[in-house]
PDB file of N, CA and C in Angstrom:
ATOM      1  N   MET A   1     100.104 110.136 121.282  1.00  0.00           N
ATOM      2  CA  MET A   1     100.394 109.096 120.569  1.00  0.00           C
ATOM      3  C   MET A   1     101.698 109.255 119.686  1.00  0.00           C
ATOM      4  N   GLU A   2     101.967 110.371 119.075  1.00  0.00           N
ATOM      5  CA  GLU A   2     103.054 110.605 118.194  1.00  0.00           C
ATOM      6  C   GLU A   2     104.342 110.434 119.182  1.00  0.00           C
ATOM      7  N   ARG A   3     104.333 111.159 120.328  1.00  0.00           N
ATOM      8  CA  ARG A   3     105.527 110.999 121.144  1.00  0.00           C
ATOM      9  C   ARG A   3     105.757 109.604 121.411  1.00  0.00           C
ATOM     10  N   SER A   4     104.710 108.909 121.841  1.00  0.00           N
ATOM     11  CA  SER A   4     105.074 107.553 122.246  1.00  0.00           C
ATOM     12  C   SER A   4     105.677 106.615 120.934  1.00  0.00           C
ATOM     13  N   LEU A   5     105.030 106.873 119.830  1.00  0.00           N
ATOM     14  CA  LEU A   5     105.440 106.155 118.658  1.00  0.00           C
ATOM     15  C   LEU A   5     107.100 106.501 118.241  1.00  0.00           C
ATOM     16  N   ALA A   6     107.113 107.943 118.419  1.00  0.00           N
ATOM     17  CA  ALA A   6     108.624 108.364 118.318  1.00  0.00           C
ATOM     18  C   ALA A   6     109.668 107.765 119.253  1.00  0.00           C
ATOM     19  N   ALA A   7     109.111 107.684 120.590  1.00  0.00           N
ATOM     20  CA  ALA A   7     110.057 107.271 121.342  1.00  0.00           C
ATOM     21  C   ALA A   7     110.268 105.654 121.163  1.00  0.00           C
ATOM     22  N   ALA A   8     109.386 104.970 120.627  1.00  0.00           N
ATOM     23  CA  ALA A   8     109.601 103.479 120.405  1.00  0.00           C
ATOM     24  C   ALA A   8     110.257 103.092 119.200  1.00  0.00           C
ATOM     25  N   GLY A   9     110.565 104.262 118.377  1.00  0.00           N
ATOM     26  CA  GLY A   9     111.520 104.190 117.284  1.00  0.00           C
ATOM     27  C   GLY A   9     110.972 104.555 115.827  1.00  0.00           C
ATOM     28  N   ALA A  10     109.630 105.011 115.740  1.00  0.00           N
ATOM     29  CA  ALA A  10     109.042 105.384 114.531  1.00  0.00           C
ATOM     30  C   ALA A  10     109.777 106.725 114.017  1.00  0.00           C
ATOM     31  N   ASP A  11     109.844 106.697 112.618  1.00  0.00           N
ATOM     32  CA  ASP A  11     110.604 107.779 112.009  1.00  0.00           C
ATOM     33  C   ASP A  11     109.516 108.916 111.880  1.00  0.00           C
ATOM     34  N   HIS A  12     109.634 110.166 112.549  1.00  0.00           N
ATOM     35  CA  HIS A  12     108.585 111.097 112.299  1.00  0.00           C
ATOM     36  C   HIS A  12     109.310 112.270 111.654  1.00  0.00           C
ATOM     37  N   GLU A  13     108.707 112.605 110.568  1.00  0.00           N
ATOM     38  CA  GLU A  13     109.019 113.919 109.756  1.00  0.00           C
ATOM     39  C   GLU A  13     108.295 115.102 110.373  1.00  0.00           C
ATOM     40  N   ALA A  14     108.803 116.161 110.095  1.00  0.00           N
ATOM     41  CA  ALA A  14     108.108 117.388 110.668  1.00  0.00           C
ATOM     42  C   ALA A  14     106.774 117.748 110.008  1.00  0.00           C
ATOM     43  N   ALA A  15     106.742 117.413 108.817  1.00  0.00           N
ATOM     44  CA  ALA A  15     105.467 117.774 107.744  1.00  0.00           C
ATOM     45  C   ALA A  15     104.545 116.707 107.894  1.00  0.00           C
ATOM     46  N   ASP A  16     104.880 115.633 108.544  1.00  0.00           N
ATOM     47  CA  ASP A  16     104.042 114.340 108.701  1.00  0.00           C
ATOM     48  C   ASP A  16     102.555 114.521 109.077  1.00  0.00           C
ATOM     49  N   THR A  17     101.314 114.117 108.355  1.00  0.00           N
ATOM     50  CA  THR A  17     100.134 114.162 108.917  1.00  0.00           C
ATOM     51  C   THR A  17      99.976 112.983 109.886  1.00  0.00           C
ATOM     52  N   PRO A  18      99.053 113.123 110.906  1.00  0.00           N
ATOM     53  CA  PRO A  18      98.940 111.820 111.845  1.00  0.00           C
ATOM     54  C   PRO A  18      98.699 110.634 110.891  1.00  0.00           C
ATOM     55  N   ASP A  19      98.239 110.735 109.720  1.00  0.00           N
ATOM     56  CA  ASP A  19      97.812 109.336 108.915  1.00  0.00           C
ATOM     57  C   ASP A  19      99.183 109.081 108.450  1.00  0.00           C
ATOM     58  N   GLU A  20      99.997 109.784 108.071  1.00  0.00           N
ATOM     59  CA  GLU A  20     101.244 109.435 107.219  1.00  0.00           C
ATOM     60  C   GLU A  20     102.403 108.964 108.416  1.00  0.00           C
ATOM     61  N   PHE A  21     102.384 109.606 109.616  1.00  0.00           N
ATOM     62  CA  PHE A  21     102.987 108.951 110.827  1.00  0.00           C
ATOM     63  C   PHE A  21     102.746 107.709 111.106  1.00  0.00           C
ATOM     64  N   LEU A  22     101.387 107.440 111.066  1.00  0.00           N
ATOM     65  CA  LEU A  22     100.938 106.042 111.704  1.00  0.00           C
ATOM     66  C   LEU A  22     101.195 105.054 110.535  1.00  0.00           C
ATOM     67  N   ALA A  23     101.254 105.529 109.223  1.00  0.00           N
ATOM     68  CA  ALA A  23     101.526 104.559 108.306  1.00  0.00           C
ATOM     69  C   ALA A  23     102.972 104.135 108.408  1.00  0.00           C
ATOM     70  N   ARG A  24     103.914 105.203 108.731  1.00  0.00           N
ATOM     71  CA  ARG A  24     105.188 104.897 108.863  1.00  0.00           C
ATOM     72  C   ARG A  24     105.506 103.990 109.994  1.00  0.00           C
ATOM     73  N   ALA A  25     104.693 104.086 111.161  1.00  0.00           N
ATOM     74  CA  ALA A  25     104.956 103.402 112.296  1.00  0.00           C
ATOM     75  C   ALA A  25     104.372 101.945 112.171  1.00  0.00           C
ATOM     76  N   ALA A  26     103.384 101.747 111.369  1.00  0.00           N
ATOM     77  CA  ALA A  26     102.855 100.332 110.942  1.00  0.00           C
ATOM     78  C   ALA A  26     103.730  99.760 110.159  1.00  0.00           C
ATOM     79  N   ALA A  27     104.329 100.416 109.151  1.00  0.00           N
ATOM     80  CA  ALA A  27     105.325  99.901 108.237  1.00  0.00           C
ATOM     81  C   ALA A  27     106.663  99.261 108.809  1.00  0.00           C
ATOM     82  N   ALA A  28     106.702  99.879 110.011  1.00  0.00           N
ATOM     83  CA  ALA A  28     108.007  99.619 110.930  1.00  0.00           C
ATOM     84  C   ALA A  28     107.613  98.431 111.796  1.00  0.00           C
ATOM     85  N   GLY A  29     106.318  98.014 111.826  1.00  0.00           N
ATOM     86  CA  GLY A  29     105.872  97.114 112.869  1.00  0.00           C
ATOM     87  C   GLY A  29     105.478  97.470 114.363  1.00  0.00           C
ATOM     88  N   LEU A  30     105.548  98.713 114.478  1.00  0.00           N
ATOM     89  CA  LEU A  30     105.392  99.383 115.860  1.00  0.00           C
ATOM     90  C   LEU A  30     103.882  99.395 116.184  1.00  0.00           C
ATOM     91  N   VAL A  31     102.985  99.365 115.192  1.00  0.00           N
ATOM     92  CA  VAL A  31     101.553  99.578 115.560  1.00  0.00           C
ATOM     93  C   VAL A  31     100.902  98.104 115.114  1.00  0.00           C
ATOM     94  N   ARG A  32     100.089  97.619 116.143  1.00  0.00           N
ATOM     95  CA  ARG A  32      99.382  96.385 115.963  1.00  0.00           C
ATOM     96  C   ARG A  32      97.831  96.691 116.392  1.00  0.00           C
ATOM     97  N   GLY A  33      97.115  96.136 115.818  1.00  0.00           N
ATOM     98  CA  GLY A  33      95.592  96.383 116.111  1.00  0.00           C
ATOM     99  C   GLY A  33      95.048  97.555 115.683  1.00  0.00           C
ATOM    100  N   ALA A  34      93.862  98.091 116.181  1.00  0.00           N
ATOM    101  CA  ALA A  34      93.162  99.220 115.390  1.00  0.00           C
ATOM    102  C   ALA A  34      93.344 100.362 116.375  1.00  0.00           C
ATOM    103  N   ALA A  35      93.953 100.382 117.502  1.00  0.00           N
ATOM    104  CA  ALA A  35      94.011 101.595 118.594  1.00  0.00           C
ATOM    105  C   ALA A  35      94.410 102.674 118.102  1.00  0.00           C
ATOM    106  N   ALA A  36      95.811 102.836 117.349  1.00  0.00           N
ATOM    107  CA  ALA A  36      96.159 104.012 116.762  1.00  0.00           C
ATOM    108  C   ALA A  36      95.423 104.645 115.752  1.00  0.00           C
ATOM    109  N   GLY A  37      94.789 103.725 114.907  1.00  0.00           N
ATOM    110  CA  GLY A  37      93.888 104.355 113.849  1.00  0.00           C
ATOM    111  C   GLY A  37      92.658 104.698 114.225  1.00  0.00           C
ATOM    112  N   GLU A  38      92.118 104.266 115.536  1.00  0.00           N
ATOM    113  CA  GLU A  38      90.969 104.872 116.264  1.00  0.00           C
ATOM    114  C   GLU A  38      91.444 106.255 116.731  1.00  0.00           C
ATOM    115  N   LEU A  39      92.269 106.247 117.401  1.00  0.00           N
ATOM    116  CA  LEU A  39      92.900 107.380 117.777  1.00  0.00           C
ATOM    117  C   LEU A  39      93.302 108.558 116.923  1.00  0.00           C
ATOM    118  N   THR A  40      93.642 108.265 115.784  1.00  0.00           N
ATOM    119  CA  THR A  40      93.834 109.222 114.585  1.00  0.00           C
ATOM    120  C   THR A  40      92.524 109.747 113.922  1.00  0.00           C
ATOM    121  N   ARG A  41      91.557 108.889 114.144  1.00  0.00           N
ATOM    122  CA  ARG A  41      90.285 109.181 113.605  1.00  0.00           C
ATOM    123  C   ARG A  41      89.563 110.146 114.547  1.00  0.00           C
ATOM    124  N   LEU A  42      89.567 109.883 115.698  1.00  0.00           N
ATOM    125  CA  LEU A  42      89.067 110.667 116.731  1.00  0.00           C
ATOM    126  C   LEU A  42      89.785 112.147 116.788  1.00  0.00           C
ATOM    127  N   PHE A  43      91.081 112.003 116.785  1.00  0.00           N
ATOM    128  CA  PHE A  43      91.699 113.258 116.597  1.00  0.00           C
ATOM    129  C   PHE A  43      91.391 114.210 115.408  1.00  0.00           C
ATOM    130  N   TYR A  44      91.182 113.359 114.206  1.00  0.00           N
ATOM    131  CA  TYR A  44      90.446 114.354 113.020  1.00  0.00           C
ATOM    132  C   TYR A  44      89.186 114.746 113.266  1.00  0.00           C
ATOM    133  N   GLU A  45      88.377 114.113 113.976  1.00  0.00           N
ATOM    134  CA  GLU A  45      87.082 114.499 114.346  1.00  0.00           C
ATOM    135  C   GLU A  45      87.155 115.791 115.261  1.00  0.00           C
ATOM    136  N   ALA A  46      87.861 115.700 116.186  1.00  0.00           N
ATOM    137  CA  ALA A  46      87.906 116.764 117.398  1.00  0.00           C
ATOM    138  C   ALA A  46      88.498 117.910 116.731  1.00  0.00           C
ATOM    139  N   ARG A  47      89.503 117.654 115.882  1.00  0.00           N
ATOM    140  CA  ARG A  47      90.295 118.810 115.047  1.00  0.00           C
ATOM    141  C   ARG A  47      89.390 119.613 114.339  1.00  0.00           C
ATOM    142  N   PHE A  48      88.757 119.078 113.466  1.00  0.00           N
ATOM    143  CA  PHE A  48      88.089 119.455 112.275  1.00  0.00           C
ATOM    144  C   PHE A  48      86.607 119.653 112.214  1.00  0.00           C
ATOM    145  N   SER A  49      85.970 119.035 113.254  1.00  0.00           N
ATOM    146  CA  SER A  49      84.515 119.102 113.288  1.00  0.00           C
ATOM    147  C   SER A  49      84.048 120.460 114.112  1.00  0.00           C
ATOM    148  N   ALA A  50      82.800 120.660 113.878  1.00  0.00           N
ATOM    149  CA  ALA A  50      82.168 122.099 114.448  1.00  0.00           C
ATOM    150  C   ALA A  50      81.717 121.750 115.866  1.00  0.00           C
ATOM    151  N   HIS A  51      81.574 120.316 116.058  1.00  0.00           N
ATOM    152  CA  HIS A  51      81.084 120.130 117.500  1.00  0.00           C
ATOM    153  C   HIS A  51      82.301 119.244 118.489  1.00  0.00           C
ATOM    154  N   GLU A  52      81.844 119.359 119.758  1.00  0.00           N
ATOM    155  CA  GLU A  52      82.765 118.854 120.451  1.00  0.00           C
ATOM    156  C   GLU A  52      82.585 117.357 120.627  1.00  0.00           C
ATOM    157  N   LEU A  53      83.460 116.481 120.935  1.00  0.00           N
ATOM    158  CA  LEU A  53      83.485 115.158 121.043  1.00  0.00           C
ATOM    159  C   LEU A  53      82.455 114.887 122.389  1.00  0.00           C
ATOM    160  N   THR A  54      81.863 113.626 122.107  1.00  0.00           N
ATOM    161  CA  THR A  54      81.018 113.326 123.109  1.00  0.00           C
ATOM    162  C   THR A  54      81.848 112.613 124.404  1.00  0.00           C
ATOM    163  N   THR A  55      81.166 112.386 125.472  1.00  0.00           N
ATOM    164  CA  THR A  55      81.955 111.659 126.471  1.00  0.00           C
ATOM    165  C   THR A  55      82.262 110.286 126.005  1.00  0.00           C
ATOM    166  N   ALA A  56      81.436 109.643 125.331  1.00  0.00           N
ATOM    167  CA  ALA A  56      81.978 108.251 124.912  1.00  0.00           C
ATOM    168  C   ALA A  56      82.984 108.237 123.903  1.00  0.00           C
ATOM    169  N   GLN A  57      83.073 109.332 122.910  1.00  0.00           N
ATOM    170  CA  GLN A  57      84.217 109.480 122.086  1.00  0.00           C
ATOM    171  C   GLN A  57      85.599 109.779 122.836  1.00  0.00           C
ATOM    172  N   ARG A  58      85.352 110.756 123.898  1.00  0.00           N
ATOM    173  CA  ARG A  58      86.582 110.902 124.599  1.00  0.00           C
ATOM    174  C   ARG A  58      87.279 109.854 125.474  1.00  0.00           C
ATOM    175  N   ASP A  59      86.175 108.945 125.996  1.00  0.00           N
ATOM    176  CA  ASP A  59      86.580 107.614 126.668  1.00  0.00           C
ATOM    177  C   ASP A  59      86.991 106.861 125.553  1.00  0.00           C
ATOM    178  N   ALA A  60      86.629 106.673 124.350  1.00  0.00           N
ATOM    179  CA  ALA A  60      87.148 105.909 123.465  1.00  0.00           C
ATOM    180  C   ALA A  60      88.536 106.233 122.957  1.00  0.00           C
ATOM    181  N   ALA A  61      88.811 107.561 122.962  1.00  0.00           N
ATOM    182  CA  ALA A  61      90.187 108.095 122.567  1.00  0.00           C
ATOM    183  C   ALA A  61      91.038 107.915 123.714  1.00  0.00           C
ATOM    184  N   GLN A  62      90.503 107.802 124.995  1.00  0.00           N
ATOM    185  CA  GLN A  62      91.461 107.537 126.326  1.00  0.00           C
ATOM    186  C   GLN A  62      91.769 105.985 126.243  1.00  0.00           C
ATOM    187  N   GLY A  63      90.859 105.129 125.967  1.00  0.00           N
ATOM    188  CA  GLY A  63      91.009 103.649 125.814  1.00  0.00           C
ATOM    189  C   GLY A  63      92.030 103.509 124.747  1.00  0.00           C
ATOM    190  N   ALA A  64      91.863 103.897 123.546  1.00  0.00           N
ATOM    191  CA  ALA A  64      92.778 103.638 122.358  1.00  0.00           C
ATOM    192  C   ALA A  64      94.311 104.254 122.867  1.00  0.00           C
ATOM    193  N   LEU A  65      94.334 105.289 123.440  1.00  0.00           N
ATOM    194  CA  LEU A  65      95.843 105.670 123.827  1.00  0.00           C
ATOM    195  C   LEU A  65      96.299 104.726 124.760  1.00  0.00           C
ATOM    196  N   ASP A  66      95.562 104.460 125.775  1.00  0.00           N
ATOM    197  CA  ASP A  66      95.999 103.424 126.777  1.00  0.00           C
ATOM    198  C   ASP A  66      96.536 102.095 126.080  1.00  0.00           C
ATOM    199  N   GLN A  67      95.583 101.587 125.201  1.00  0.00           N
ATOM    200  CA  GLN A  67      95.754 100.242 124.419  1.00  0.00           C
ATOM    201  C   GLN A  67      97.196 100.380 123.534  1.00  0.00           C
ATOM    202  N   LEU A  68      97.341 101.550 122.821  1.00  0.00           N
ATOM    203  CA  LEU A  68      98.615 101.869 122.202  1.00  0.00           C
ATOM    204  C   LEU A  68      99.672 101.723 123.148  1.00  0.00           C
ATOM    205  N   ALA A  69      99.608 102.468 124.189  1.00  0.00           N
ATOM    206  CA  ALA A  69     100.661 102.528 125.305  1.00  0.00           C
ATOM    207  C   ALA A  69     101.131 101.053 125.554  1.00  0.00           C
ATOM    208  N   ALA A  70     100.063 100.379 126.113  1.00  0.00           N
ATOM    209  CA  ALA A  70     100.316  98.827 126.423  1.00  0.00           C
ATOM    210  C   ALA A  70     101.042  98.019 125.177  1.00  0.00           C
ATOM    211  N   ASP A  71     100.625  98.147 124.028  1.00  0.00           N
ATOM    212  CA  ASP A  71     101.053  97.626 122.755  1.00  0.00           C
ATOM    213  C   ASP A  71     102.572  98.001 122.843  1.00  0.00           C
ATOM    214  N   LEU A  72     102.945  99.279 122.923  1.00  0.00           N
ATOM    215  CA  LEU A  72     104.240  99.823 122.626  1.00  0.00           C
ATOM    216  C   LEU A  72     105.224  99.273 123.755  1.00  0.00           C
ATOM    217  N   ARG A  73     104.561  99.076 125.035  1.00  0.00           N
ATOM    218  CA  ARG A  73     105.440  98.431 126.067  1.00  0.00           C
ATOM    219  C   ARG A  73     105.750  97.002 125.749  1.00  0.00           C
ATOM    220  N   GLY A  74     104.858  96.395 125.199  1.00  0.00           N
ATOM    221  CA  GLY A  74     104.937  95.002 124.752  1.00  0.00           C
ATOM    222  C   GLY A  74     105.946  94.744 123.830  1.00  0.00           C
ATOM    223  N   SER A  75     106.149  95.879 122.888  1.00  0.00           N
ATOM    224  CA  SER A  75     107.060  95.756 121.634  1.00  0.00           C
ATOM    225  C   SER A  75     108.567  96.006 122.088  1.00  0.00           C
ATOM    226  N   SER A  76     108.743  96.426 123.220  1.00  0.00           N
ATOM    227  CA  SER A  76     110.024  96.875 123.711  1.00  0.00           C
ATOM    228  C   SER A  76     110.923  95.767 123.941  1.00  0.00           C
TER     229      SER A  76
END
């Protein structure tokens, strides 16, 4: 997600958390809808929880990533 948003023109600082980068991309008008927020939420759960994501959560993450990519292609 971060690479795609940066390629679309989002300003990415080296010390940004995913939330900070997402907020900056949203402020720039690159993010529409809930896909990026859902992907960020699932990232935090995967990264910081003691359990693995379920198949449904992994599918949701893939769907959110696909939606974000489609949204970014539409904004070009």
